N, C-alpha and C. Protein backbone atom coordinates (compact mmCIF):
# COMPACT_ATOMS: atom_id res chain seq x y z
N MET A 1 -19.31 36.59 -45.11
CA MET A 1 -19.38 36.41 -43.93
C MET A 1 -19.73 37.49 -43.17
N LYS A 2 -21.32 37.24 -42.36
CA LYS A 2 -21.26 38.57 -40.97
C LYS A 2 -20.65 38.16 -40.20
N ASN A 3 -20.47 39.81 -39.56
CA ASN A 3 -19.39 40.10 -38.00
C ASN A 3 -20.03 39.22 -37.10
N MET A 4 -21.48 39.14 -37.07
CA MET A 4 -21.75 38.46 -35.66
C MET A 4 -21.43 36.71 -35.75
N ASP A 5 -21.44 36.04 -37.08
CA ASP A 5 -20.80 34.88 -37.42
C ASP A 5 -19.43 34.51 -37.20
N LEU A 6 -18.32 36.06 -37.60
CA LEU A 6 -17.21 35.81 -37.43
C LEU A 6 -16.79 36.09 -36.01
N PHE A 7 -17.83 36.90 -35.33
CA PHE A 7 -17.49 37.03 -33.94
C PHE A 7 -17.64 35.72 -33.17
N ASN A 8 -18.56 34.67 -33.31
CA ASN A 8 -18.71 33.99 -32.47
C ASN A 8 -17.52 32.60 -33.34
N GLN A 9 -17.24 32.74 -34.52
CA GLN A 9 -16.19 31.71 -34.97
C GLN A 9 -14.60 32.15 -34.49
N TYR A 10 -14.48 33.55 -34.29
CA TYR A 10 -13.38 33.75 -33.48
C TYR A 10 -13.32 33.33 -32.19
N SER A 11 -14.71 33.81 -31.37
CA SER A 11 -14.38 33.57 -29.87
C SER A 11 -14.47 32.27 -29.65
N ALA A 12 -15.00 31.10 -30.32
CA ALA A 12 -14.53 29.80 -30.31
C ALA A 12 -13.06 29.28 -30.55
N GLU A 13 -12.30 29.76 -31.33
CA GLU A 13 -11.18 29.35 -31.17
C GLU A 13 -10.32 29.83 -30.11
N ILE A 14 -10.66 31.37 -29.93
CA ILE A 14 -9.68 32.15 -28.54
C ILE A 14 -10.22 31.14 -27.35
N PHE A 15 -11.60 31.11 -26.77
CA PHE A 15 -11.47 29.84 -25.94
C PHE A 15 -11.22 28.76 -25.95
N SER A 16 -10.88 28.22 -26.78
CA SER A 16 -10.53 26.99 -27.29
C SER A 16 -8.83 27.11 -26.82
N MET A 17 -7.77 28.05 -26.82
CA MET A 17 -6.65 28.12 -27.40
C MET A 17 -6.59 28.67 -26.01
N LEU A 18 -7.42 29.45 -25.21
CA LEU A 18 -7.02 29.66 -23.98
C LEU A 18 -7.62 28.80 -22.78
N TYR A 19 -8.04 28.01 -23.07
CA TYR A 19 -8.81 26.51 -22.37
C TYR A 19 -7.70 25.46 -22.47
N LEU A 20 -7.14 25.11 -23.22
CA LEU A 20 -6.29 24.26 -23.48
C LEU A 20 -5.04 24.93 -22.74
N ALA A 21 -4.78 26.19 -22.45
CA ALA A 21 -3.36 26.31 -22.36
C ALA A 21 -3.51 26.87 -20.50
N PHE A 22 -4.89 27.34 -19.99
CA PHE A 22 -5.01 27.62 -18.89
C PHE A 22 -4.19 26.57 -17.81
N PRO A 23 -3.71 27.25 -17.10
CA PRO A 23 -3.76 28.45 -16.29
C PRO A 23 -2.19 29.33 -17.07
N GLU A 24 -1.83 28.87 -17.62
CA GLU A 24 -0.84 29.70 -18.38
C GLU A 24 -1.19 30.69 -19.35
N PRO A 25 -0.41 32.01 -19.32
CA PRO A 25 -0.84 33.04 -20.09
C PRO A 25 0.09 32.62 -21.67
N ILE A 26 -1.05 32.68 -22.87
CA ILE A 26 -0.96 32.77 -24.25
C ILE A 26 -0.78 34.14 -24.94
N GLY A 27 -0.29 34.13 -26.31
CA GLY A 27 -0.50 35.41 -27.09
C GLY A 27 -1.81 34.74 -28.10
N LEU A 28 -2.46 36.09 -28.24
CA LEU A 28 -3.28 35.95 -29.22
C LEU A 28 -3.28 36.82 -30.54
N ASP A 29 -2.92 36.19 -31.42
CA ASP A 29 -2.71 36.83 -32.65
C ASP A 29 -3.89 37.07 -33.80
N ALA A 30 -4.89 38.17 -33.79
CA ALA A 30 -5.66 38.22 -34.65
C ALA A 30 -5.21 37.79 -36.07
N LEU A 31 -3.97 37.92 -36.60
CA LEU A 31 -4.08 37.65 -37.80
C LEU A 31 -4.11 36.19 -38.17
N SER A 32 -3.48 35.31 -37.47
CA SER A 32 -3.84 33.90 -37.16
C SER A 32 -4.76 33.20 -37.05
N ILE A 33 -5.06 33.68 -35.88
CA ILE A 33 -6.33 33.14 -35.35
C ILE A 33 -7.42 33.41 -36.54
N SER A 34 -7.95 34.53 -37.23
CA SER A 34 -8.45 34.34 -38.52
C SER A 34 -8.24 34.05 -39.84
N GLY A 35 -6.80 34.04 -39.95
CA GLY A 35 -6.67 32.93 -41.10
C GLY A 35 -6.48 33.92 -42.35
N HIS A 36 -6.05 35.12 -41.56
CA HIS A 36 -6.46 36.31 -42.92
C HIS A 36 -4.95 37.30 -42.57
N GLN A 37 -3.75 36.90 -42.98
CA GLN A 37 -2.13 37.40 -42.91
C GLN A 37 -2.05 38.55 -43.69
N GLU A 38 -2.66 38.89 -44.09
CA GLU A 38 -2.47 39.62 -45.37
C GLU A 38 -2.64 41.40 -44.84
N ILE A 39 -2.03 42.04 -45.13
CA ILE A 39 -2.10 43.68 -44.82
C ILE A 39 -1.71 44.80 -46.17
N ASP A 40 -2.88 45.31 -46.34
CA ASP A 40 -3.10 45.96 -47.50
C ASP A 40 -1.87 47.47 -47.68
N GLU A 41 -2.02 48.39 -48.50
CA GLU A 41 -1.15 48.96 -48.69
C GLU A 41 -1.15 50.35 -47.76
N ASN A 42 -2.01 50.05 -46.82
CA ASN A 42 -2.28 51.46 -45.67
C ASN A 42 -1.38 50.24 -44.57
N GLY A 43 -1.15 49.37 -44.61
CA GLY A 43 -0.78 48.97 -43.42
C GLY A 43 -1.47 48.09 -42.58
N SER A 44 -3.19 48.19 -43.09
CA SER A 44 -4.18 47.70 -42.09
C SER A 44 -4.49 46.49 -42.74
N PRO A 45 -4.80 45.28 -41.67
CA PRO A 45 -5.19 44.25 -41.97
C PRO A 45 -6.68 44.08 -42.64
N GLU A 46 -6.67 42.69 -43.36
CA GLU A 46 -8.13 42.83 -43.87
C GLU A 46 -9.63 42.60 -42.94
N LYS A 47 -10.39 42.89 -43.18
CA LYS A 47 -11.43 43.25 -42.55
C LYS A 47 -11.81 41.65 -41.68
N GLU A 48 -11.10 40.60 -41.59
CA GLU A 48 -11.75 38.69 -40.94
C GLU A 48 -10.89 39.71 -39.67
N ALA A 49 -9.05 39.84 -39.83
CA ALA A 49 -8.60 40.00 -38.97
C ALA A 49 -8.64 41.22 -38.04
N LYS A 50 -9.09 42.54 -38.14
CA LYS A 50 -9.72 43.69 -37.76
C LYS A 50 -10.84 43.09 -36.41
N ILE A 51 -12.01 42.53 -37.23
CA ILE A 51 -12.81 41.54 -36.22
C ILE A 51 -12.41 41.28 -35.11
N CYS A 52 -11.39 40.08 -35.74
CA CYS A 52 -10.86 39.43 -34.50
C CYS A 52 -10.30 39.93 -33.50
N LYS A 53 -9.40 40.65 -33.84
CA LYS A 53 -8.68 41.74 -32.83
C LYS A 53 -9.95 42.54 -32.07
N ALA A 54 -10.80 42.79 -32.76
CA ALA A 54 -12.65 43.46 -31.89
C ALA A 54 -12.79 42.08 -31.05
N THR A 55 -12.64 41.11 -31.43
CA THR A 55 -13.65 40.15 -30.47
C THR A 55 -12.51 39.73 -29.18
N ILE A 56 -11.56 39.99 -29.21
CA ILE A 56 -10.30 39.58 -28.52
C ILE A 56 -10.48 40.82 -27.47
N GLN A 57 -10.64 42.13 -28.21
CA GLN A 57 -11.02 43.07 -26.80
C GLN A 57 -12.42 43.11 -26.26
N TRP A 58 -13.25 42.59 -26.73
CA TRP A 58 -14.80 42.44 -26.67
C TRP A 58 -14.67 41.33 -25.45
N LEU A 59 -13.95 40.08 -25.56
CA LEU A 59 -13.99 39.36 -24.88
C LEU A 59 -13.35 39.67 -23.12
N ALA A 60 -12.34 40.63 -23.24
CA ALA A 60 -11.64 41.08 -22.50
C ALA A 60 -12.42 42.28 -21.62
N ASP A 61 -13.21 43.23 -22.32
CA ASP A 61 -13.80 43.80 -21.88
C ASP A 61 -15.15 43.88 -21.04
N THR A 62 -15.62 42.64 -21.67
CA THR A 62 -17.14 41.56 -20.82
C THR A 62 -15.85 40.83 -19.73
N GLY A 63 -15.40 40.34 -19.54
CA GLY A 63 -14.38 39.71 -18.54
C GLY A 63 -14.54 38.32 -18.73
N TYR A 64 -14.25 38.00 -20.30
CA TYR A 64 -14.05 36.47 -20.06
C TYR A 64 -12.48 35.92 -19.94
N LEU A 65 -11.76 37.45 -20.16
CA LEU A 65 -10.40 37.00 -20.47
C LEU A 65 -9.37 38.29 -20.30
N SER A 66 -8.60 37.96 -19.76
CA SER A 66 -7.94 39.34 -19.35
C SER A 66 -6.33 39.17 -19.97
N PHE A 67 -5.75 40.76 -19.79
CA PHE A 67 -4.56 40.16 -20.79
C PHE A 67 -3.46 41.44 -20.66
N GLN A 68 -2.32 41.26 -20.69
CA GLN A 68 -1.02 42.03 -20.03
C GLN A 68 -0.92 43.28 -21.58
N ASP A 69 -0.62 42.44 -22.43
CA ASP A 69 -0.12 43.84 -23.03
C ASP A 69 -0.85 43.45 -24.56
N GLU A 70 -1.32 44.66 -25.24
CA GLU A 70 -2.01 44.73 -26.35
C GLU A 70 -1.04 45.16 -27.35
N TYR A 71 -1.43 44.50 -28.75
CA TYR A 71 -0.56 44.32 -29.50
C TYR A 71 -1.39 45.41 -30.93
N GLN A 72 -0.97 45.60 -32.14
CA GLN A 72 -1.69 46.06 -32.64
C GLN A 72 -2.68 44.88 -33.73
N TYR A 73 -2.47 44.10 -33.83
CA TYR A 73 -3.41 42.65 -34.12
C TYR A 73 -3.64 41.95 -33.26
N GLY A 74 -3.17 41.73 -31.52
CA GLY A 74 -3.70 40.93 -30.69
C GLY A 74 -3.23 41.17 -29.64
N ALA A 75 -2.96 40.42 -28.92
CA ALA A 75 -2.79 40.70 -27.33
C ALA A 75 -2.15 39.96 -26.78
N GLY A 76 -1.17 39.78 -25.61
CA GLY A 76 -0.39 39.18 -25.19
C GLY A 76 -0.09 38.76 -23.85
N ASP A 77 -0.14 37.87 -23.40
CA ASP A 77 -0.62 36.66 -21.56
C ASP A 77 -1.49 37.68 -21.80
N ALA A 78 -2.37 36.95 -22.62
CA ALA A 78 -3.91 36.58 -22.47
C ALA A 78 -4.40 35.13 -21.37
N VAL A 79 -5.13 35.18 -20.85
CA VAL A 79 -5.75 34.17 -19.97
C VAL A 79 -6.92 34.22 -19.60
N LEU A 80 -7.97 33.41 -18.96
CA LEU A 80 -9.37 33.27 -19.05
C LEU A 80 -9.44 33.81 -17.77
N THR A 81 -10.32 34.70 -17.05
CA THR A 81 -10.81 34.85 -16.45
C THR A 81 -11.37 34.25 -15.22
N ALA A 82 -12.36 34.12 -13.88
CA ALA A 82 -12.35 33.52 -13.01
C ALA A 82 -13.89 32.99 -13.98
N LYS A 83 -14.37 34.25 -14.73
CA LYS A 83 -15.66 34.03 -15.07
C LYS A 83 -15.41 33.52 -16.45
N GLY A 84 -14.67 33.57 -16.98
CA GLY A 84 -14.46 32.84 -18.68
C GLY A 84 -14.01 31.41 -18.12
N LEU A 85 -13.46 31.19 -17.34
CA LEU A 85 -13.09 29.38 -17.06
C LEU A 85 -14.80 29.16 -16.44
N GLU A 86 -15.32 29.84 -15.57
CA GLU A 86 -16.22 28.89 -14.64
C GLU A 86 -17.60 29.10 -15.97
N VAL A 87 -17.50 29.64 -16.85
CA VAL A 87 -18.40 29.66 -18.02
C VAL A 87 -17.59 28.25 -18.51
N LEU A 88 -16.70 28.57 -19.40
CA LEU A 88 -16.40 27.04 -20.18
C LEU A 88 -16.41 25.77 -19.09
N LYS A 89 -16.13 25.86 -18.00
CA LYS A 89 -16.39 24.55 -17.08
C LYS A 89 -17.70 24.36 -16.56
N ALA A 90 -19.21 24.99 -17.75
CA ALA A 90 -20.26 24.85 -16.70
C ALA A 90 -20.75 23.67 -17.79
N VAL A 91 -21.33 22.75 -17.53
CA VAL A 91 -22.42 21.92 -18.31
C VAL A 91 -23.79 22.15 -18.18
N PRO A 92 -24.15 22.91 -19.10
CA PRO A 92 -25.87 23.40 -19.05
C PRO A 92 -26.26 21.87 -19.38
N GLY A 93 -27.85 21.81 -19.05
CA GLY A 93 -28.42 20.85 -19.39
C GLY A 93 -28.58 20.53 -20.92
N SER A 94 -28.55 21.32 -21.60
CA SER A 94 -28.31 21.51 -23.32
C SER A 94 -26.80 20.87 -23.88
N LEU A 95 -26.16 19.94 -23.16
CA LEU A 95 -25.17 19.17 -23.50
C LEU A 95 -25.53 18.16 -22.77
N LYS A 96 -26.39 17.30 -23.46
CA LYS A 96 -26.75 15.88 -23.10
C LYS A 96 -25.67 14.97 -22.82
N ASN A 97 -24.74 14.90 -23.43
CA ASN A 97 -24.00 14.26 -23.65
C ASN A 97 -22.19 14.15 -22.36
N GLY A 98 -22.96 15.07 -21.42
CA GLY A 98 -21.90 15.49 -20.28
C GLY A 98 -20.38 16.63 -21.50
N GLY A 99 -19.61 16.68 -20.10
CA GLY A 99 -18.79 17.29 -20.43
C GLY A 99 -18.89 19.05 -20.58
N SER A 100 -17.87 19.51 -20.44
CA SER A 100 -17.93 20.90 -20.47
C SER A 100 -17.95 21.44 -21.54
N ILE A 101 -18.33 22.89 -21.61
CA ILE A 101 -18.86 23.82 -22.91
C ILE A 101 -17.42 24.17 -23.23
N GLY A 102 -16.48 24.22 -22.84
CA GLY A 102 -14.89 24.51 -22.94
C GLY A 102 -14.34 22.81 -23.86
N ASP A 103 -14.62 21.81 -23.08
CA ASP A 103 -14.16 20.27 -23.63
C ASP A 103 -15.25 20.64 -24.94
N LYS A 104 -16.13 20.93 -24.99
CA LYS A 104 -16.88 20.77 -26.36
C LYS A 104 -16.71 21.65 -27.35
N ILE A 105 -16.11 22.73 -27.08
CA ILE A 105 -15.58 23.64 -28.02
C ILE A 105 -14.16 23.00 -28.39
N VAL A 106 -13.44 22.77 -27.63
CA VAL A 106 -12.09 22.09 -27.92
C VAL A 106 -12.30 20.57 -28.90
N THR A 107 -13.10 19.24 -28.86
CA THR A 107 -13.42 18.79 -29.62
C THR A 107 -13.92 19.05 -30.75
N THR A 108 -14.54 19.67 -30.63
CA THR A 108 -15.59 20.32 -32.24
C THR A 108 -14.39 20.73 -32.73
N LEU A 109 -13.42 22.03 -32.31
CA LEU A 109 -12.93 22.41 -33.38
C LEU A 109 -11.38 21.60 -33.90
N LYS A 110 -11.40 20.73 -33.15
CA LYS A 110 -10.43 19.37 -33.41
C LYS A 110 -10.51 18.51 -34.80
N GLY A 111 -12.31 18.39 -34.81
CA GLY A 111 -13.50 17.89 -35.16
C GLY A 111 -13.39 18.07 -36.97
N GLY A 112 -13.40 19.83 -37.04
CA GLY A 112 -13.11 20.49 -37.95
C GLY A 112 -14.85 20.99 -37.77
N ALA A 113 -15.73 20.95 -36.86
CA ALA A 113 -17.18 21.10 -36.90
C ALA A 113 -16.96 22.62 -36.53
N LYS A 114 -16.55 23.77 -37.01
CA LYS A 114 -17.20 25.05 -36.48
C LYS A 114 -18.37 25.79 -36.47
N GLU A 115 -19.36 25.05 -37.36
CA GLU A 115 -20.70 25.51 -36.67
C GLU A 115 -20.97 24.90 -35.69
N THR A 116 -20.83 24.01 -35.22
CA THR A 116 -20.57 23.48 -33.49
C THR A 116 -20.33 24.29 -32.78
N ALA A 117 -19.30 24.19 -32.90
CA ALA A 117 -18.13 25.24 -32.08
C ALA A 117 -18.95 26.49 -31.98
N THR A 118 -19.52 27.05 -32.74
CA THR A 118 -19.78 28.91 -32.85
C THR A 118 -21.36 28.73 -32.02
N ALA A 119 -21.70 27.76 -32.42
CA ALA A 119 -23.27 27.32 -31.08
C ALA A 119 -23.21 27.15 -30.15
N LEU A 120 -21.89 26.46 -29.75
CA LEU A 120 -21.35 26.13 -28.03
C LEU A 120 -20.99 27.36 -27.45
N VAL A 121 -20.48 28.64 -28.62
CA VAL A 121 -20.29 29.63 -27.98
C VAL A 121 -21.41 30.82 -27.35
N LYS A 122 -22.32 30.63 -28.28
CA LYS A 122 -23.56 31.39 -27.81
C LYS A 122 -24.07 30.48 -26.79
N THR A 123 -24.00 29.36 -26.58
CA THR A 123 -24.30 28.68 -25.00
C THR A 123 -23.22 29.32 -24.04
N ALA A 124 -21.94 29.33 -24.17
CA ALA A 124 -21.29 30.16 -23.46
C ALA A 124 -21.46 31.35 -23.11
N LEU A 125 -21.66 32.38 -23.60
CA LEU A 125 -22.00 33.87 -23.55
C LEU A 125 -23.17 33.77 -22.68
N THR A 126 -24.32 32.99 -23.17
CA THR A 126 -25.60 32.85 -22.32
C THR A 126 -25.12 32.53 -21.05
N GLU A 127 -24.52 31.72 -20.79
CA GLU A 127 -24.03 31.23 -19.28
C GLU A 127 -23.24 32.05 -18.47
N GLY A 128 -22.40 32.79 -19.73
CA GLY A 128 -22.27 33.99 -18.64
C GLY A 128 -23.04 35.30 -18.41
N PHE A 129 -24.20 35.35 -19.02
CA PHE A 129 -24.97 36.63 -18.98
C PHE A 129 -26.04 36.17 -17.57
N LYS A 130 -26.67 34.86 -17.58
CA LYS A 130 -27.05 34.40 -16.49
C LYS A 130 -25.92 34.48 -15.30
N LEU A 131 -24.76 34.50 -15.26
CA LEU A 131 -23.94 34.73 -14.03
C LEU A 131 -23.90 36.30 -13.71
N LEU A 132 -24.07 36.59 -14.68
CA LEU A 132 -23.91 38.77 -14.16
C LEU A 132 -25.43 38.75 -13.63
N MET A 133 -26.31 37.68 -14.10
CA MET A 133 -27.45 38.29 -13.22
C MET A 133 -28.23 37.53 -11.75
N LYS A 134 -26.77 36.79 -11.59
CA LYS A 134 -26.66 36.28 -10.07
C LYS A 134 -26.93 37.26 -9.10
């Protein structure tokens, strides 16, 4: 799987977790989110877990989430920022059946439709870019 595909998949999982927990902070464990909990002989996680950790960091660096504690394989006390919440609460015209992006991500992941959830992440990030341009 390509890095960008993994990024979109993990972003969907992270957004779903934070959206459901909001406003309570939660821990984000890259090993659990990625489903790759194996550590190699050098103490490093598999590629997928590294990409998941980088995804958490990127989402924080770009203002979608914040966290208090950074761990080797995740982050503690993570919560959506105002920007992250605004993006996930958005209802763009492309979502014809109503409901927010966040609601749709949660629903599709629960239904096992990971590809649909990753498409919704692309919509969320596009909405976030539009916010920056205002």
